[in-house]
């Protein structure tokens, strides 16, 4: 599973709060800090995508 953050990101930080193992805030945009999301964080990563107010997180299974 992979995640990407689009330019629609509003840097609200919700993804970082939900899954700091995968997301960080850098230069007013969230970034993914892993190439492949470890299995133990996949559910949290999906939750972060669902909760993103800008719908800026894309999950590829």
PDB file of N, CA and C in Angstrom:
ATOM      1  N   UNK A   1       0.843  -1.173   0.000  1.00  0.00           N
ATOM      2  CA  UNK A   1       0.000   0.000   0.000  1.00  0.00           C
ATOM      3  C   UNK A   1       0.890   1.238   0.000  1.00  0.00           C
ATOM      4  N   UNK A   2       0.480   2.234  -0.797  1.00  0.00           N
ATOM      5  CA  UNK A   2       1.200   3.501  -0.864  1.00  0.00           C
ATOM      6  C   UNK A   2       0.226   4.649  -0.667  1.00  0.00           C
ATOM      7  N   UNK A   3       0.733   5.767  -0.194  1.00  0.00           N
ATOM      8  CA  UNK A   3      -0.077   6.974  -0.023  1.00  0.00           C
ATOM      9  C   UNK A   3       0.643   8.142  -0.678  1.00  0.00           C
ATOM     10  N   UNK A   4      -0.144   9.058  -1.218  1.00  0.00           N
ATOM     11  CA  UNK A   4       0.391  10.309  -1.729  1.00  0.00           C
ATOM     12  C   UNK A   4      -0.510  11.441  -1.252  1.00  0.00           C
ATOM     13  N   UNK A   5       0.073  12.626  -1.161  1.00  0.00           N
ATOM     14  CA  UNK A   5      -0.673  13.817  -0.770  1.00  0.00           C
ATOM     15  C   UNK A   5      -0.690  14.758  -1.972  1.00  0.00           C
ATOM     16  N   UNK A   6      -1.880  15.197  -2.361  1.00  0.00           N
ATOM     17  CA  UNK A   6      -2.021  16.070  -3.521  1.00  0.00           C
ATOM     18  C   UNK A   6      -1.836  17.537  -3.138  1.00  0.00           C
ATOM     19  N   UNK A   7      -1.800  18.381  -4.137  1.00  0.00           N
ATOM     20  CA  UNK A   7      -1.640  19.821  -3.914  1.00  0.00           C
ATOM     21  C   UNK A   7      -2.845  20.451  -3.228  1.00  0.00           C
ATOM     22  N   UNK A   8      -3.945  19.719  -3.124  1.00  0.00           N
ATOM     23  CA  UNK A   8      -5.130  20.236  -2.440  1.00  0.00           C
ATOM     24  C   UNK A   8      -4.952  20.293  -0.924  1.00  0.00           C
ATOM     25  N   UNK A   9      -3.850  19.752  -0.429  1.00  0.00           N
ATOM     26  CA  UNK A   9      -3.577  19.721   1.010  1.00  0.00           C
ATOM     27  C   UNK A   9      -3.644  21.134   1.589  1.00  0.00           C
ATOM     28  N   UNK A  10      -4.359  21.266   2.717  1.00  0.00           N
ATOM     29  CA  UNK A  10      -4.475  22.555   3.387  1.00  0.00           C
ATOM     30  C   UNK A  10      -3.640  22.600   4.677  1.00  0.00           C
ATOM     31  N   UNK A  11      -2.817  21.597   4.881  1.00  0.00           N
ATOM     32  CA  UNK A  11      -1.901  21.525   6.029  1.00  0.00           C
ATOM     33  C   UNK A  11      -2.621  21.650   7.366  1.00  0.00           C
ATOM     34  N   UNK A  12      -3.757  21.001   7.483  1.00  0.00           N
ATOM     35  CA  UNK A  12      -4.502  21.055   8.747  1.00  0.00           C
ATOM     36  C   UNK A  12      -3.851  20.188   9.820  1.00  0.00           C
ATOM     37  N   UNK A  13      -3.066  19.201   9.414  1.00  0.00           N
ATOM     38  CA  UNK A  13      -2.353  18.357  10.359  1.00  0.00           C
ATOM     39  C   UNK A  13      -3.125  17.163  10.869  1.00  0.00           C
ATOM     40  N   UNK A  14      -4.331  16.978  10.395  1.00  0.00           N
ATOM     41  CA  UNK A  14      -5.144  15.861  10.885  1.00  0.00           C
ATOM     42  C   UNK A  14      -4.488  14.512  10.576  1.00  0.00           C
ATOM     43  N   UNK A  15      -3.903  14.375   9.401  1.00  0.00           N
ATOM     44  CA  UNK A  15      -3.261  13.107   9.038  1.00  0.00           C
ATOM     45  C   UNK A  15      -2.087  12.806   9.961  1.00  0.00           C
ATOM     46  N   UNK A  16      -1.347  13.847  10.333  1.00  0.00           N
ATOM     47  CA  UNK A  16      -0.204  13.673  11.238  1.00  0.00           C
ATOM     48  C   UNK A  16      -0.682  13.249  12.620  1.00  0.00           C
ATOM     49  N   UNK A  17      -1.801  13.813  13.067  1.00  0.00           N
ATOM     50  CA  UNK A  17      -2.359  13.418  14.360  1.00  0.00           C
ATOM     51  C   UNK A  17      -2.814  11.968  14.352  1.00  0.00           C
ATOM     52  N   UNK A  18      -3.411  11.534  13.239  1.00  0.00           N
ATOM     53  CA  UNK A  18      -3.943  10.170  13.149  1.00  0.00           C
ATOM     54  C   UNK A  18      -2.830   9.152  12.910  1.00  0.00           C
ATOM     55  N   UNK A  19      -1.883   9.490  12.031  1.00  0.00           N
ATOM     56  CA  UNK A  19      -0.856   8.513  11.659  1.00  0.00           C
ATOM     57  C   UNK A  19       0.513   9.183  11.481  1.00  0.00           C
ATOM     58  N   UNK A  20       1.149   9.581  12.577  1.00  0.00           N
ATOM     59  CA  UNK A  20       2.461  10.243  12.481  1.00  0.00           C
ATOM     60  C   UNK A  20       3.570   9.325  11.976  1.00  0.00           C
ATOM     61  N   UNK A  21       3.299   8.025  11.940  1.00  0.00           N
ATOM     62  CA  UNK A  21       4.290   7.081  11.428  1.00  0.00           C
ATOM     63  C   UNK A  21       4.406   7.162   9.901  1.00  0.00           C
ATOM     64  N   UNK A  22       3.406   7.782   9.250  1.00  0.00           N
ATOM     65  CA  UNK A  22       3.374   7.853   7.785  1.00  0.00           C
ATOM     66  C   UNK A  22       3.417   9.294   7.279  1.00  0.00           C
ATOM     67  N   UNK A  23       2.825  10.244   8.023  1.00  0.00           N
ATOM     68  CA  UNK A  23       2.703  11.624   7.543  1.00  0.00           C
ATOM     69  C   UNK A  23       3.453  12.621   8.427  1.00  0.00           C
ATOM     70  N   UNK A  24       3.998  13.665   7.803  1.00  0.00           N
ATOM     71  CA  UNK A  24       4.590  14.805   8.510  1.00  0.00           C
ATOM     72  C   UNK A  24       4.150  16.076   7.794  1.00  0.00           C
ATOM     73  N   UNK A  25       4.199  17.205   8.504  1.00  0.00           N
ATOM     74  CA  UNK A  25       3.930  18.498   7.871  1.00  0.00           C
ATOM     75  C   UNK A  25       5.265  19.135   7.518  1.00  0.00           C
ATOM     76  N   UNK A  26       5.426  19.485   6.253  1.00  0.00           N
ATOM     77  CA  UNK A  26       6.638  20.131   5.762  1.00  0.00           C
ATOM     78  C   UNK A  26       6.240  21.272   4.849  1.00  0.00           C
ATOM     79  N   UNK A  27       6.746  22.458   5.089  1.00  0.00           N
ATOM     80  CA  UNK A  27       6.514  23.595   4.199  1.00  0.00           C
ATOM     81  C   UNK A  27       5.046  23.786   3.839  1.00  0.00           C
ATOM     82  N   UNK A  28       4.180  23.771   4.837  1.00  0.00           N
ATOM     83  CA  UNK A  28       2.741  24.024   4.655  1.00  0.00           C
ATOM     84  C   UNK A  28       2.034  22.983   3.798  1.00  0.00           C
ATOM     85  N   UNK A  29       2.537  21.765   3.788  1.00  0.00           N
ATOM     86  CA  UNK A  29       1.859  20.660   3.106  1.00  0.00           C
ATOM     87  C   UNK A  29       2.253  19.364   3.821  1.00  0.00           C
ATOM     88  N   UNK A  30       1.335  18.443   3.856  1.00  0.00           N
ATOM     89  CA  UNK A  30       1.648  17.138   4.445  1.00  0.00           C
ATOM     90  C   UNK A  30       2.462  16.331   3.449  1.00  0.00           C
ATOM     91  N   UNK A  31       3.353  15.505   3.967  1.00  0.00           N
ATOM     92  CA  UNK A  31       4.161  14.634   3.125  1.00  0.00           C
ATOM     93  C   UNK A  31       4.153  13.229   3.702  1.00  0.00           C
ATOM     94  N   UNK A  32       4.291  12.257   2.811  1.00  0.00           N
ATOM     95  CA  UNK A  32       4.389  10.858   3.203  1.00  0.00           C
ATOM     96  C   UNK A  32       5.871  10.554   3.421  1.00  0.00           C
ATOM     97  N   UNK A  33       6.199   9.944   4.558  1.00  0.00           N
ATOM     98  CA  UNK A  33       7.604   9.704   4.892  1.00  0.00           C
ATOM     99  C   UNK A  33       8.043   8.256   4.707  1.00  0.00           C
ATOM    100  N   UNK A  34       7.171   7.415   4.163  1.00  0.00           N
ATOM    101  CA  UNK A  34       7.530   6.022   3.877  1.00  0.00           C
ATOM    102  C   UNK A  34       7.162   5.702   2.430  1.00  0.00           C
ATOM    103  N   UNK A  35       7.940   4.839   1.796  1.00  0.00           N
ATOM    104  CA  UNK A  35       7.618   4.431   0.425  1.00  0.00           C
ATOM    105  C   UNK A  35       6.446   3.457   0.416  1.00  0.00           C
ATOM    106  N   UNK A  36       6.546   2.456   1.246  1.00  0.00           N
ATOM    107  CA  UNK A  36       5.523   1.417   1.373  1.00  0.00           C
ATOM    108  C   UNK A  36       4.996   1.489   2.796  1.00  0.00           C
ATOM    109  N   UNK A  37       3.680   1.587   2.940  1.00  0.00           N
ATOM    110  CA  UNK A  37       3.091   1.702   4.278  1.00  0.00           C
ATOM    111  C   UNK A  37       3.111   0.332   4.958  1.00  0.00           C
ATOM    112  N   UNK A  38       3.779   0.234   6.115  1.00  0.00           N
ATOM    113  CA  UNK A  38       3.799  -1.049   6.833  1.00  0.00           C
ATOM    114  C   UNK A  38       2.380  -1.494   7.188  1.00  0.00           C
ATOM    115  N   UNK A  39       2.175  -2.776   7.198  1.00  0.00           N
ATOM    116  CA  UNK A  39       0.844  -3.341   7.439  1.00  0.00           C
ATOM    117  C   UNK A  39       0.215  -2.838   8.731  1.00  0.00           C
ATOM    118  N   UNK A  40       1.028  -2.666   9.771  1.00  0.00           N
ATOM    119  CA  UNK A  40       0.470  -2.248  11.063  1.00  0.00           C
ATOM    120  C   UNK A  40      -0.064  -0.815  11.051  1.00  0.00           C
ATOM    121  N   UNK A  41       0.274  -0.016  10.036  1.00  0.00           N
ATOM    122  CA  UNK A  41      -0.211   1.364   9.944  1.00  0.00           C
ATOM    123  C   UNK A  41      -1.237   1.582   8.841  1.00  0.00           C
ATOM    124  N   UNK A  42      -1.578   0.547   8.120  1.00  0.00           N
ATOM    125  CA  UNK A  42      -2.478   0.702   6.980  1.00  0.00           C
ATOM    126  C   UNK A  42      -3.876   1.172   7.381  1.00  0.00           C
ATOM    127  N   UNK A  43      -4.429   0.652   8.446  1.00  0.00           N
ATOM    128  CA  UNK A  43      -5.760   1.083   8.884  1.00  0.00           C
ATOM    129  C   UNK A  43      -5.752   2.554   9.307  1.00  0.00           C
ATOM    130  N   UNK A  44      -4.708   2.965  10.043  1.00  0.00           N
ATOM    131  CA  UNK A  44      -4.602   4.361  10.459  1.00  0.00           C
ATOM    132  C   UNK A  44      -4.421   5.273   9.248  1.00  0.00           C
ATOM    133  N   UNK A  45      -3.695   4.807   8.261  1.00  0.00           N
ATOM    134  CA  UNK A  45      -3.474   5.598   7.056  1.00  0.00           C
ATOM    135  C   UNK A  45      -4.781   5.775   6.276  1.00  0.00           C
ATOM    136  N   UNK A  46      -5.562   4.714   6.188  1.00  0.00           N
ATOM    137  CA  UNK A  46      -6.873   4.806   5.530  1.00  0.00           C
ATOM    138  C   UNK A  46      -7.780   5.762   6.292  1.00  0.00           C
ATOM    139  N   UNK A  47      -7.737   5.715   7.619  1.00  0.00           N
ATOM    140  CA  UNK A  47      -8.536   6.628   8.428  1.00  0.00           C
ATOM    141  C   UNK A  47      -8.116   8.079   8.166  1.00  0.00           C
ATOM    142  N   UNK A  48      -6.808   8.316   8.070  1.00  0.00           N
ATOM    143  CA  UNK A  48      -6.313   9.661   7.787  1.00  0.00           C
ATOM    144  C   UNK A  48      -6.844  10.162   6.444  1.00  0.00           C
ATOM    145  N   UNK A  49      -6.872   9.287   5.446  1.00  0.00           N
ATOM    146  CA  UNK A  49      -7.387   9.666   4.124  1.00  0.00           C
ATOM    147  C   UNK A  49      -8.878   9.985   4.205  1.00  0.00           C
ATOM    148  N   UNK A  50      -9.614   9.191   4.941  1.00  0.00           N
ATOM    149  CA  UNK A  50     -11.059   9.406   5.069  1.00  0.00           C
ATOM    150  C   UNK A  50     -11.373  10.695   5.833  1.00  0.00           C
ATOM    151  N   UNK A  51     -10.553  11.031   6.816  1.00  0.00           N
ATOM    152  CA  UNK A  51     -10.794  12.199   7.654  1.00  0.00           C
ATOM    153  C   UNK A  51     -10.234  13.497   7.057  1.00  0.00           C
ATOM    154  N   UNK A  52      -9.433  13.404   6.014  1.00  0.00           N
ATOM    155  CA  UNK A  52      -8.822  14.591   5.412  1.00  0.00           C
ATOM    156  C   UNK A  52      -9.904  15.530   4.871  1.00  0.00           C
ATOM    157  N   UNK A  53      -9.994  16.763   5.419  1.00  0.00           N
ATOM    158  CA  UNK A  53     -11.051  17.677   4.980  1.00  0.00           C
ATOM    159  C   UNK A  53     -10.890  18.139   3.528  1.00  0.00           C
ATOM    160  N   UNK A  54      -9.670  18.091   3.005  1.00  0.00           N
ATOM    161  CA  UNK A  54      -9.425  18.519   1.624  1.00  0.00           C
ATOM    162  C   UNK A  54      -9.427  17.346   0.645  1.00  0.00           C
ATOM    163  N   UNK A  55      -9.630  16.126   1.183  1.00  0.00           N
ATOM    164  CA  UNK A  55      -9.576  14.908   0.364  1.00  0.00           C
ATOM    165  C   UNK A  55      -8.286  14.859  -0.453  1.00  0.00           C
ATOM    166  N   UNK A  56      -7.168  15.206   0.211  1.00  0.00           N
ATOM    167  CA  UNK A  56      -5.886  15.335  -0.463  1.00  0.00           C
ATOM    168  C   UNK A  56      -4.994  14.094  -0.353  1.00  0.00           C
ATOM    169  N   UNK A  57      -5.478  13.047   0.312  1.00  0.00           N
ATOM    170  CA  UNK A  57      -4.671  11.841   0.478  1.00  0.00           C
ATOM    171  C   UNK A  57      -5.207  10.753  -0.445  1.00  0.00           C
ATOM    172  N   UNK A  58      -4.327  10.243  -1.291  1.00  0.00           N
ATOM    173  CA  UNK A  58      -4.673   9.175  -2.222  1.00  0.00           C
ATOM    174  C   UNK A  58      -4.002   7.897  -1.732  1.00  0.00           C
ATOM    175  N   UNK A  59      -4.798   6.845  -1.597  1.00  0.00           N
ATOM    176  CA  UNK A  59      -4.285   5.535  -1.165  1.00  0.00           C
ATOM    177  C   UNK A  59      -4.300   4.590  -2.365  1.00  0.00           C
ATOM    178  N   UNK A  60      -3.156   3.949  -2.602  1.00  0.00           N
ATOM    179  CA  UNK A  60      -3.053   2.927  -3.650  1.00  0.00           C
ATOM    180  C   UNK A  60      -2.782   1.595  -2.979  1.00  0.00           C
ATOM    181  N   UNK A  61      -3.676   0.660  -3.189  1.00  0.00           N
ATOM    182  CA  UNK A  61      -3.534  -0.665  -2.548  1.00  0.00           C
ATOM    183  C   UNK A  61      -2.596  -1.562  -3.345  1.00  0.00           C
TER     184      UNK A  61
END
